[in-house]
Amino acid sequence: SIPVMLNYRFDFGKDMHLTLYAGPTFDYGLVGKTT
């Protein structure tokens, strides 16, 4: 998968962060099998 996310980061002090993500993801199947 190749995700390309836009994001926004909320900072809570120097070392704590909350980030929200949204964007498209391009998915390609390499292996698909049923046994």
PDB file of all heavy atoms in Angstrom:
ATOM      1  N   SER A   1       0.838  -1.199   0.000  1.00  0.00           N
ATOM      2  CA  SER A   1       0.000   0.000   0.000  1.00  0.00           C
ATOM      3  C   SER A   1       0.872   1.247   0.000  1.00  0.00           C
ATOM      4  O   SER A   1       1.932   1.278   0.643  1.00  0.00           O
ATOM      5  CB  SER A   1      -0.918   0.026   1.224  1.00  0.00           C
ATOM      6  OG  SER A   1      -1.740  -1.124   1.269  1.00  0.00           O
ATOM      7  N   ILE A   2       0.410   2.272  -0.720  1.00  0.00           N
ATOM      8  CA  ILE A   2       1.078   3.573  -0.739  1.00  0.00           C
ATOM      9  C   ILE A   2       0.090   4.605  -0.208  1.00  0.00           C
ATOM     10  O   ILE A   2      -0.740   5.135  -0.951  1.00  0.00           O
ATOM     11  CB  ILE A   2       1.532   3.962  -2.159  1.00  0.00           C
ATOM     12  CG1 ILE A   2       2.405   2.860  -2.771  1.00  0.00           C
ATOM     13  CG2 ILE A   2       2.276   5.296  -2.137  1.00  0.00           C
ATOM     14  CD1 ILE A   2       3.731   2.670  -2.075  1.00  0.00           C
ATOM     15  N   PRO A   3       0.125   4.903   1.094  1.00  0.00           N
ATOM     16  CA  PRO A   3      -0.738   5.957   1.630  1.00  0.00           C
ATOM     17  C   PRO A   3      -0.101   7.332   1.445  1.00  0.00           C
ATOM     18  O   PRO A   3       1.120   7.486   1.551  1.00  0.00           O
ATOM     19  CB  PRO A   3      -0.835   5.596   3.123  1.00  0.00           C
ATOM     20  CG  PRO A   3       0.440   4.877   3.423  1.00  0.00           C
ATOM     21  CD  PRO A   3       0.868   4.194   2.156  1.00  0.00           C
ATOM     22  N   VAL A   4      -0.935   8.314   1.144  1.00  0.00           N
ATOM     23  CA  VAL A   4      -0.479   9.711   1.049  1.00  0.00           C
ATOM     24  C   VAL A   4      -1.417  10.531   1.929  1.00  0.00           C
ATOM     25  O   VAL A   4      -2.502  10.933   1.512  1.00  0.00           O
ATOM     26  CB  VAL A   4      -0.502  10.222  -0.408  1.00  0.00           C
ATOM     27  CG1 VAL A   4       0.038  11.651  -0.459  1.00  0.00           C
ATOM     28  CG2 VAL A   4       0.300   9.309  -1.324  1.00  0.00           C
ATOM     29  N   MET A   5      -0.996  10.772   3.163  1.00  0.00           N
ATOM     30  CA  MET A   5      -1.868  11.360   4.164  1.00  0.00           C
ATOM     31  C   MET A   5      -1.576  12.838   4.409  1.00  0.00           C
ATOM     32  O   MET A   5      -0.403  13.232   4.571  1.00  0.00           O
ATOM     33  CB  MET A   5      -1.707  10.632   5.508  1.00  0.00           C
ATOM     34  CG  MET A   5      -2.086   9.160   5.502  1.00  0.00           C
ATOM     35  SD  MET A   5      -3.850   8.859   5.325  1.00  0.00           S
ATOM     36  CE  MET A   5      -3.904   8.316   3.616  1.00  0.00           C
ATOM     37  N   LEU A   6      -2.624  13.643   4.405  1.00  0.00           N
ATOM     38  CA  LEU A   6      -2.533  14.982   4.977  1.00  0.00           C
ATOM     39  C   LEU A   6      -2.765  14.850   6.468  1.00  0.00           C
ATOM     40  O   LEU A   6      -3.565  14.014   6.912  1.00  0.00           O
ATOM     41  CB  LEU A   6      -3.571  15.904   4.353  1.00  0.00           C
ATOM     42  CG  LEU A   6      -3.394  16.223   2.860  1.00  0.00           C
ATOM     43  CD1 LEU A   6      -4.585  17.019   2.343  1.00  0.00           C
ATOM     44  CD2 LEU A   6      -2.096  16.988   2.618  1.00  0.00           C
ATOM     45  N   ASN A   7      -2.093  15.658   7.253  1.00  0.00           N
ATOM     46  CA  ASN A   7      -2.255  15.518   8.705  1.00  0.00           C
ATOM     47  C   ASN A   7      -2.161  16.866   9.412  1.00  0.00           C
ATOM     48  O   ASN A   7      -1.609  17.838   8.885  1.00  0.00           O
ATOM     49  CB  ASN A   7      -1.207  14.552   9.266  1.00  0.00           C
ATOM     50  CG  ASN A   7       0.216  15.036   9.054  1.00  0.00           C
ATOM     51  OD1 ASN A   7       0.654  16.012   9.650  1.00  0.00           O
ATOM     52  ND2 ASN A   7       0.968  14.344   8.193  1.00  0.00           N
ATOM     53  N   TYR A   8      -2.722  16.877  10.604  1.00  0.00           N
ATOM     54  CA  TYR A   8      -2.615  18.046  11.485  1.00  0.00           C
ATOM     55  C   TYR A   8      -2.230  17.546  12.868  1.00  0.00           C
ATOM     56  O   TYR A   8      -2.840  16.612  13.398  1.00  0.00           O
ATOM     57  CB  TYR A   8      -3.913  18.832  11.544  1.00  0.00           C
ATOM     58  CG  TYR A   8      -3.779  20.103  12.360  1.00  0.00           C
ATOM     59  CD1 TYR A   8      -3.257  21.259  11.791  1.00  0.00           C
ATOM     60  CD2 TYR A   8      -4.132  20.125  13.709  1.00  0.00           C
ATOM     61  CE1 TYR A   8      -3.099  22.417  12.529  1.00  0.00           C
ATOM     62  CE2 TYR A   8      -3.983  21.278  14.462  1.00  0.00           C
ATOM     63  CZ  TYR A   8      -3.457  22.425  13.871  1.00  0.00           C
ATOM     64  OH  TYR A   8      -3.297  23.577  14.612  1.00  0.00           O
ATOM     65  N   ARG A   9      -1.237  18.198  13.465  1.00  0.00           N
ATOM     66  CA  ARG A   9      -0.690  17.772  14.750  1.00  0.00           C
ATOM     67  C   ARG A   9      -1.100  18.726  15.869  1.00  0.00           C
ATOM     68  O   ARG A   9      -0.951  19.945  15.749  1.00  0.00           O
ATOM     69  CB  ARG A   9       0.837  17.714  14.679  1.00  0.00           C
ATOM     70  CG  ARG A   9       1.496  17.109  15.910  1.00  0.00           C
ATOM     71  CD  ARG A   9       3.011  17.220  15.835  1.00  0.00           C
ATOM     72  NE  ARG A   9       3.460  18.594  16.067  1.00  0.00           N
ATOM     73  CZ  ARG A   9       4.054  19.335  15.148  1.00  0.00           C
ATOM     74  NH1 ARG A   9       4.268  18.868  13.933  1.00  0.00           N
ATOM     75  NH2 ARG A   9       4.443  20.578  15.440  1.00  0.00           N
ATOM     76  N   PHE A  10      -1.634  18.160  16.949  1.00  0.00           N
ATOM     77  CA  PHE A  10      -1.931  18.904  18.171  1.00  0.00           C
ATOM     78  C   PHE A  10      -0.819  18.622  19.175  1.00  0.00           C
ATOM     79  O   PHE A  10      -0.532  17.455  19.478  1.00  0.00           O
ATOM     80  CB  PHE A  10      -3.281  18.489  18.763  1.00  0.00           C
ATOM     81  CG  PHE A  10      -4.448  18.762  17.860  1.00  0.00           C
ATOM     82  CD1 PHE A  10      -4.885  17.798  16.956  1.00  0.00           C
ATOM     83  CD2 PHE A  10      -5.127  19.973  17.925  1.00  0.00           C
ATOM     84  CE1 PHE A  10      -5.966  18.046  16.120  1.00  0.00           C
ATOM     85  CE2 PHE A  10      -6.211  20.224  17.094  1.00  0.00           C
ATOM     86  CZ  PHE A  10      -6.621  19.258  16.187  1.00  0.00           C
ATOM     87  N   ASP A  11      -0.187  19.662  19.700  1.00  0.00           N
ATOM     88  CA  ASP A  11       0.919  19.500  20.633  1.00  0.00           C
ATOM     89  C   ASP A  11       0.445  19.688  22.067  1.00  0.00           C
ATOM     90  O   ASP A  11      -0.258  20.651  22.385  1.00  0.00           O
ATOM     91  CB  ASP A  11       2.026  20.521  20.333  1.00  0.00           C
ATOM     92  CG  ASP A  11       2.617  20.337  18.946  1.00  0.00           C
ATOM     93  OD1 ASP A  11       2.742  19.184  18.507  1.00  0.00           O
ATOM     94  OD2 ASP A  11       2.942  21.347  18.296  1.00  0.00           O
ATOM     95  N   PHE A  12       0.834  18.747  22.925  1.00  0.00           N
ATOM     96  CA  PHE A  12       0.531  18.830  24.350  1.00  0.00           C
ATOM     97  C   PHE A  12       1.858  18.809  25.101  1.00  0.00           C
ATOM     98  O   PHE A  12       2.303  17.777  25.595  1.00  0.00           O
ATOM     99  CB  PHE A  12      -0.348  17.657  24.790  1.00  0.00           C
ATOM    100  CG  PHE A  12      -1.647  17.561  24.028  1.00  0.00           C
ATOM    101  CD1 PHE A  12      -1.759  16.727  22.931  1.00  0.00           C
ATOM    102  CD2 PHE A  12      -2.742  18.323  24.406  1.00  0.00           C
ATOM    103  CE1 PHE A  12      -2.944  16.647  22.224  1.00  0.00           C
ATOM    104  CE2 PHE A  12      -3.931  18.249  23.702  1.00  0.00           C
ATOM    105  CZ  PHE A  12      -4.035  17.410  22.613  1.00  0.00           C
ATOM    106  N   GLY A  13       2.496  19.957  25.144  1.00  0.00           N
ATOM    107  CA  GLY A  13       3.826  20.008  25.709  1.00  0.00           C
ATOM    108  C   GLY A  13       4.858  19.656  24.649  1.00  0.00           C
ATOM    109  O   GLY A  13       4.571  19.556  23.456  1.00  0.00           O
ATOM    110  N   LYS A  14       6.085  19.425  25.073  1.00  0.00           N
ATOM    111  CA  LYS A  14       7.188  19.210  24.148  1.00  0.00           C
ATOM    112  C   LYS A  14       7.176  17.822  23.524  1.00  0.00           C
ATOM    113  O   LYS A  14       7.498  17.653  22.341  1.00  0.00           O
ATOM    114  CB  LYS A  14       8.512  19.427  24.881  1.00  0.00           C
ATOM    115  CG  LYS A  14       9.736  19.249  23.999  1.00  0.00           C
ATOM    116  CD  LYS A  14      11.019  19.473  24.785  1.00  0.00           C
ATOM    117  CE  LYS A  14      12.241  19.255  23.896  1.00  0.00           C
ATOM    118  NZ  LYS A  14      13.509  19.452  24.648  1.00  0.00           N
ATOM    119  N   ASP A  15       6.788  16.784  24.301  1.00  0.00           N
ATOM    120  CA  ASP A  15       6.956  15.411  23.841  1.00  0.00           C
ATOM    121  C   ASP A  15       5.657  14.664  23.587  1.00  0.00           C
ATOM    122  O   ASP A  15       5.682  13.476  23.248  1.00  0.00           O
ATOM    123  CB  ASP A  15       7.776  14.614  24.871  1.00  0.00           C
ATOM    124  CG  ASP A  15       9.202  15.130  24.990  1.00  0.00           C
ATOM    125  OD1 ASP A  15       9.749  15.569  23.963  1.00  0.00           O
ATOM    126  OD2 ASP A  15       9.749  15.102  26.102  1.00  0.00           O
ATOM    127  N   MET A  16       4.495  15.307  23.741  1.00  0.00           N
ATOM    128  CA  MET A  16       3.219  14.622  23.541  1.00  0.00           C
ATOM    129  C   MET A  16       2.471  15.261  22.376  1.00  0.00           C
ATOM    130  O   MET A  16       2.280  16.481  22.343  1.00  0.00           O
ATOM    131  CB  MET A  16       2.369  14.668  24.818  1.00  0.00           C
ATOM    132  CG  MET A  16       2.993  13.936  25.994  1.00  0.00           C
ATOM    133  SD  MET A  16       2.027  14.120  27.527  1.00  0.00           S
ATOM    134  CE  MET A  16       0.487  13.333  27.031  1.00  0.00           C
ATOM    135  N   HIS A  17       2.048  14.411  21.417  1.00  0.00           N
ATOM    136  CA  HIS A  17       1.410  14.926  20.214  1.00  0.00           C
ATOM    137  C   HIS A  17       0.256  14.008  19.799  1.00  0.00           C
ATOM    138  O   HIS A  17       0.355  12.783  19.868  1.00  0.00           O
ATOM    139  CB  HIS A  17       2.412  15.013  19.054  1.00  0.00           C
ATOM    140  CG  HIS A  17       3.714  15.629  19.415  1.00  0.00           C
ATOM    141  ND1 HIS A  17       3.914  16.987  19.479  1.00  0.00           N
ATOM    142  CD2 HIS A  17       4.899  15.053  19.759  1.00  0.00           C
ATOM    143  CE1 HIS A  17       5.164  17.235  19.824  1.00  0.00           C
ATOM    144  NE2 HIS A  17       5.780  16.078  20.000  1.00  0.00           N
ATOM    145  N   LEU A  18      -0.828  14.614  19.352  1.00  0.00           N
ATOM    146  CA  LEU A  18      -1.950  13.898  18.754  1.00  0.00           C
ATOM    147  C   LEU A  18      -2.068  14.354  17.302  1.00  0.00           C
ATOM    148  O   LEU A  18      -2.161  15.548  17.031  1.00  0.00           O
ATOM    149  CB  LEU A  18      -3.249  14.187  19.503  1.00  0.00           C
ATOM    150  CG  LEU A  18      -4.529  13.617  18.869  1.00  0.00           C
ATOM    151  CD1 LEU A  18      -4.516  12.090  18.935  1.00  0.00           C
ATOM    152  CD2 LEU A  18      -5.770  14.175  19.562  1.00  0.00           C
ATOM    153  N   THR A  19      -2.062  13.395  16.367  1.00  0.00           N
ATOM    154  CA  THR A  19      -2.103  13.727  14.949  1.00  0.00           C
ATOM    155  C   THR A  19      -3.306  13.067  14.293  1.00  0.00           C
ATOM    156  O   THR A  19      -3.565  11.883  14.503  1.00  0.00           O
ATOM    157  CB  THR A  19      -0.817  13.259  14.239  1.00  0.00           C
ATOM    158  OG1 THR A  19       0.318  13.830  14.892  1.00  0.00           O
ATOM    159  CG2 THR A  19      -0.818  13.695  12.784  1.00  0.00           C
ATOM    160  N   LEU A  20      -4.038  13.847  13.497  1.00  0.00           N
ATOM    161  CA  LEU A  20      -5.162  13.339  12.715  1.00  0.00           C
ATOM    162  C   LEU A  20      -4.735  13.210  11.260  1.00  0.00           C
ATOM    163  O   LEU A  20      -4.047  14.085  10.727  1.00  0.00           O
ATOM    164  CB  LEU A  20      -6.364  14.279  12.832  1.00  0.00           C
ATOM    165  CG  LEU A  20      -6.873  14.557  14.250  1.00  0.00           C
ATOM    166  CD1 LEU A  20      -8.079  15.489  14.199  1.00  0.00           C
ATOM    167  CD2 LEU A  20      -7.229  13.259  14.973  1.00  0.00           C
ATOM    168  N   TYR A  21      -5.166  12.115  10.617  1.00  0.00           N
ATOM    169  CA  TYR A  21      -4.750  11.813   9.249  1.00  0.00           C
ATOM    170  C   TYR A  21      -5.957  11.648   8.329  1.00  0.00           C
ATOM    171  O   TYR A  21      -7.017  11.172   8.750  1.00  0.00           O
ATOM    172  CB  TYR A  21      -3.957  10.505   9.202  1.00  0.00           C
ATOM    173  CG  TYR A  21      -2.727  10.463  10.060  1.00  0.00           C
ATOM    174  CD1 TYR A  21      -2.783  10.001  11.375  1.00  0.00           C
ATOM    175  CD2 TYR A  21      -1.492  10.865   9.555  1.00  0.00           C
ATOM    176  CE1 TYR A  21      -1.650   9.945  12.163  1.00  0.00           C
ATOM    177  CE2 TYR A  21      -0.349  10.810  10.334  1.00  0.00           C
ATOM    178  CZ  TYR A  21      -0.441  10.353  11.644  1.00  0.00           C
ATOM    179  OH  TYR A  21       0.690  10.304  12.415  1.00  0.00           O
ATOM    180  N   ALA A  22      -5.789  11.975   7.054  1.00  0.00           N
ATOM    181  CA  ALA A  22      -6.809  11.700   6.039  1.00  0.00           C
ATOM    182  C   ALA A  22      -6.164  11.806   4.666  1.00  0.00           C
ATOM    183  O   ALA A  22      -5.323  12.684   4.420  1.00  0.00           O
ATOM    184  CB  ALA A  22      -7.982  12.667   6.142  1.00  0.00           C
ATOM    185  N   GLY A  23      -6.559  10.903   3.765  1.00  0.00           N
ATOM    186  CA  GLY A  23      -6.013  10.957   2.410  1.00  0.00           C
ATOM    187  C   GLY A  23      -6.236   9.657   1.664  1.00  0.00           C
ATOM    188  O   GLY A  23      -6.822   8.702   2.184  1.00  0.00           O
ATOM    189  N   PRO A  24      -5.764   9.583   0.430  1.00  0.00           N
ATOM    190  CA  PRO A  24      -5.933   8.373  -0.376  1.00  0.00           C
ATOM    191  C   PRO A  24      -4.834   7.346  -0.104  1.00  0.00           C
ATOM    192  O   PRO A  24      -3.710   7.697   0.275  1.00  0.00           O
ATOM    193  CB  PRO A  24      -5.840   8.903  -1.807  1.00  0.00           C
ATOM    194  CG  PRO A  24      -4.894  10.063  -1.685  1.00  0.00           C
ATOM    195  CD  PRO A  24      -5.173  10.684  -0.343  1.00  0.00           C
ATOM    196  N   THR A  25      -5.188   6.085  -0.326  1.00  0.00           N
ATOM    197  CA  THR A  25      -4.211   4.997  -0.260  1.00  0.00           C
ATOM    198  C   THR A  25      -4.353   4.147  -1.526  1.00  0.00           C
ATOM    199  O   THR A  25      -5.465   3.776  -1.911  1.00  0.00           O
ATOM    200  CB  THR A  25      -4.437   4.123   0.983  1.00  0.00           C
ATOM    201  OG1 THR A  25      -4.136   4.881   2.156  1.00  0.00           O
ATOM    202  CG2 THR A  25      -3.526   2.893   0.959  1.00  0.00           C
ATOM    203  N   PHE A  26      -3.227   3.859  -2.145  1.00  0.00           N
ATOM    204  CA  PHE A  26      -3.209   3.050  -3.364  1.00  0.00           C
ATOM    205  C   PHE A  26      -2.703   1.654  -3.003  1.00  0.00           C
ATOM    206  O   PHE A  26      -1.602   1.507  -2.473  1.00  0.00           O
ATOM    207  CB  PHE A  26      -2.319   3.705  -4.417  1.00  0.00           C
ATOM    208  CG  PHE A  26      -2.722   5.116  -4.722  1.00  0.00           C
ATOM    209  CD1 PHE A  26      -2.156   6.192  -4.021  1.00  0.00           C
ATOM    210  CD2 PHE A  26      -3.698   5.394  -5.669  1.00  0.00           C
ATOM    211  CE1 PHE A  26      -2.534   7.496  -4.275  1.00  0.00           C
ATOM    212  CE2 PHE A  26      -4.084   6.704  -5.936  1.00  0.00           C
ATOM    213  CZ  PHE A  26      -3.509   7.756  -5.233  1.00  0.00           C
ATOM    214  N   ASP A  27      -3.547   0.656  -3.266  1.00  0.00           N
ATOM    215  CA  ASP A  27      -3.302  -0.704  -2.805  1.00  0.00           C
ATOM    216  C   ASP A  27      -3.062  -1.626  -3.994  1.00  0.00           C
ATOM    217  O   ASP A  27      -3.797  -1.564  -4.986  1.00  0.00           O
ATOM    218  CB  ASP A  27      -4.527  -1.188  -2.012  1.00  0.00           C
ATOM    219  CG  ASP A  27      -4.160  -2.171  -0.925  1.00  0.00           C
ATOM    220  OD1 ASP A  27      -3.006  -2.157  -0.490  1.00  0.00           O
ATOM    221  OD2 ASP A  27      -5.041  -2.954  -0.522  1.00  0.00           O
ATOM    222  N   TYR A  28      -2.055  -2.501  -3.888  1.00  0.00           N
ATOM    223  CA  TYR A  28      -1.768  -3.440  -4.976  1.00  0.00           C
ATOM    224  C   TYR A  28      -1.528  -4.829  -4.398  1.00  0.00           C
ATOM    225  O   TYR A  28      -0.724  -5.010  -3.472  1.00  0.00           O
ATOM    226  CB  TYR A  28      -0.540  -2.993  -5.759  1.00  0.00           C
ATOM    227  CG  TYR A  28      -0.293  -3.827  -6.991  1.00  0.00           C
ATOM    228  CD1 TYR A  28      -1.025  -3.616  -8.161  1.00  0.00           C
ATOM    229  CD2 TYR A  28       0.656  -4.840  -6.986  1.00  0.00           C
ATOM    230  CE1 TYR A  28      -0.808  -4.385  -9.294  1.00  0.00           C
ATOM    231  CE2 TYR A  28       0.885  -5.615  -8.114  1.00  0.00           C
ATOM    232  CZ  TYR A  28       0.144  -5.382  -9.266  1.00  0.00           C
ATOM    233  OH  TYR A  28       0.349  -6.143 -10.383  1.00  0.00           O
ATOM    234  N   GLY A  29      -2.250  -5.818  -4.925  1.00  0.00           N
ATOM    235  CA  GLY A  29      -2.123  -7.177  -4.439  1.00  0.00           C
ATOM    236  C   GLY A  29      -0.935  -7.899  -5.058  1.00  0.00           C
ATOM    237  O   GLY A  29      -0.809  -7.980  -6.284  1.00  0.00           O
ATOM    238  N   LEU A  30      -0.058  -8.420  -4.213  1.00  0.00           N
ATOM    239  CA  LEU A  30       1.095  -9.184  -4.674  1.00  0.00           C
ATOM    240  C   LEU A  30       0.796 -10.682  -4.709  1.00  0.00           C
ATOM    241  O   LEU A  30       1.182 -11.380  -5.649  1.00  0.00           O
ATOM    242  CB  LEU A  30       2.299  -8.930  -3.760  1.00  0.00           C
ATOM    243  CG  LEU A  30       2.850  -7.506  -3.725  1.00  0.00           C
ATOM    244  CD1 LEU A  30       4.011  -7.425  -2.740  1.00  0.00           C
ATOM    245  CD2 LEU A  30       3.286  -7.052  -5.103  1.00  0.00           C
ATOM    246  N   VAL A  31       0.136 -11.154  -3.662  1.00  0.00           N
ATOM    247  CA  VAL A  31      -0.196 -12.574  -3.549  1.00  0.00           C
ATOM    248  C   VAL A  31      -1.644 -12.708  -3.104  1.00  0.00           C
ATOM    249  O   VAL A  31      -2.089 -12.012  -2.184  1.00  0.00           O
ATOM    250  CB  VAL A  31       0.720 -13.298  -2.528  1.00  0.00           C
ATOM    251  CG1 VAL A  31       0.303 -14.767  -2.383  1.00  0.00           C
ATOM    252  CG2 VAL A  31       2.175 -13.198  -2.945  1.00  0.00           C
ATOM    253  N   GLY A  32      -2.375 -13.569  -3.776  1.00  0.00           N
ATOM    254  CA  GLY A  32      -3.731 -13.901  -3.372  1.00  0.00           C
ATOM    255  C   GLY A  32      -3.993 -15.353  -3.696  1.00  0.00           C
ATOM    256  O   GLY A  32      -4.013 -15.739  -4.872  1.00  0.00           O
ATOM    257  N   LYS A  33      -4.160 -16.176  -2.683  1.00  0.00           N
ATOM    258  CA  LYS A  33      -4.347 -17.601  -2.956  1.00  0.00           C
ATOM    259  C   LYS A  33      -5.259 -18.246  -1.921  1.00  0.00           C
ATOM    260  O   LYS A  33      -5.365 -17.795  -0.787  1.00  0.00           O
ATOM    261  CB  LYS A  33      -3.008 -18.334  -2.993  1.00  0.00           C
ATOM    262  CG  LYS A  33      -2.271 -18.387  -1.663  1.00  0.00           C
ATOM    263  CD  LYS A  33      -0.968 -19.175  -1.792  1.00  0.00           C
ATOM    264  CE  LYS A  33      -0.233 -19.274  -0.457  1.00  0.00           C
ATOM    265  NZ  LYS A  33       0.997 -20.098  -0.567  1.00  0.00           N
ATOM    266  N   THR A  34      -5.921 -19.303  -2.351  1.00  0.00           N
ATOM    267  CA  THR A  34      -6.752 -20.116  -1.471  1.00  0.00           C
ATOM    268  C   THR A  34      -6.283 -21.561  -1.564  1.00  0.00           C
ATOM    269  O   THR A  34      -6.136 -22.105  -2.661  1.00  0.00           O
ATOM    270  CB  THR A  34      -8.238 -20.033  -1.861  1.00  0.00           C
ATOM    271  OG1 THR A  34      -8.718 -18.710  -1.625  1.00  0.00           O
ATOM    272  CG2 THR A  34      -9.068 -21.004  -1.037  1.00  0.00           C
ATOM    273  N   THR A  35      -6.031 -22.170  -0.403  1.00  0.00           N
ATOM    274  CA  THR A  35      -5.610 -23.560  -0.331  1.00  0.00           C
ATOM    275  C   THR A  35      -6.731 -24.391   0.267  1.00  0.00           C
ATOM    276  O   THR A  35      -7.224 -24.086   1.367  1.00  0.00           O
ATOM    277  CB  THR A  35      -4.337 -23.711   0.517  1.00  0.00           C
ATOM    278  OG1 THR A  35      -3.303 -22.898  -0.039  1.00  0.00           O
ATOM    279  CG2 THR A  35      -3.873 -25.160   0.549  1.00  0.00           C
TER     280      THR A  35
END
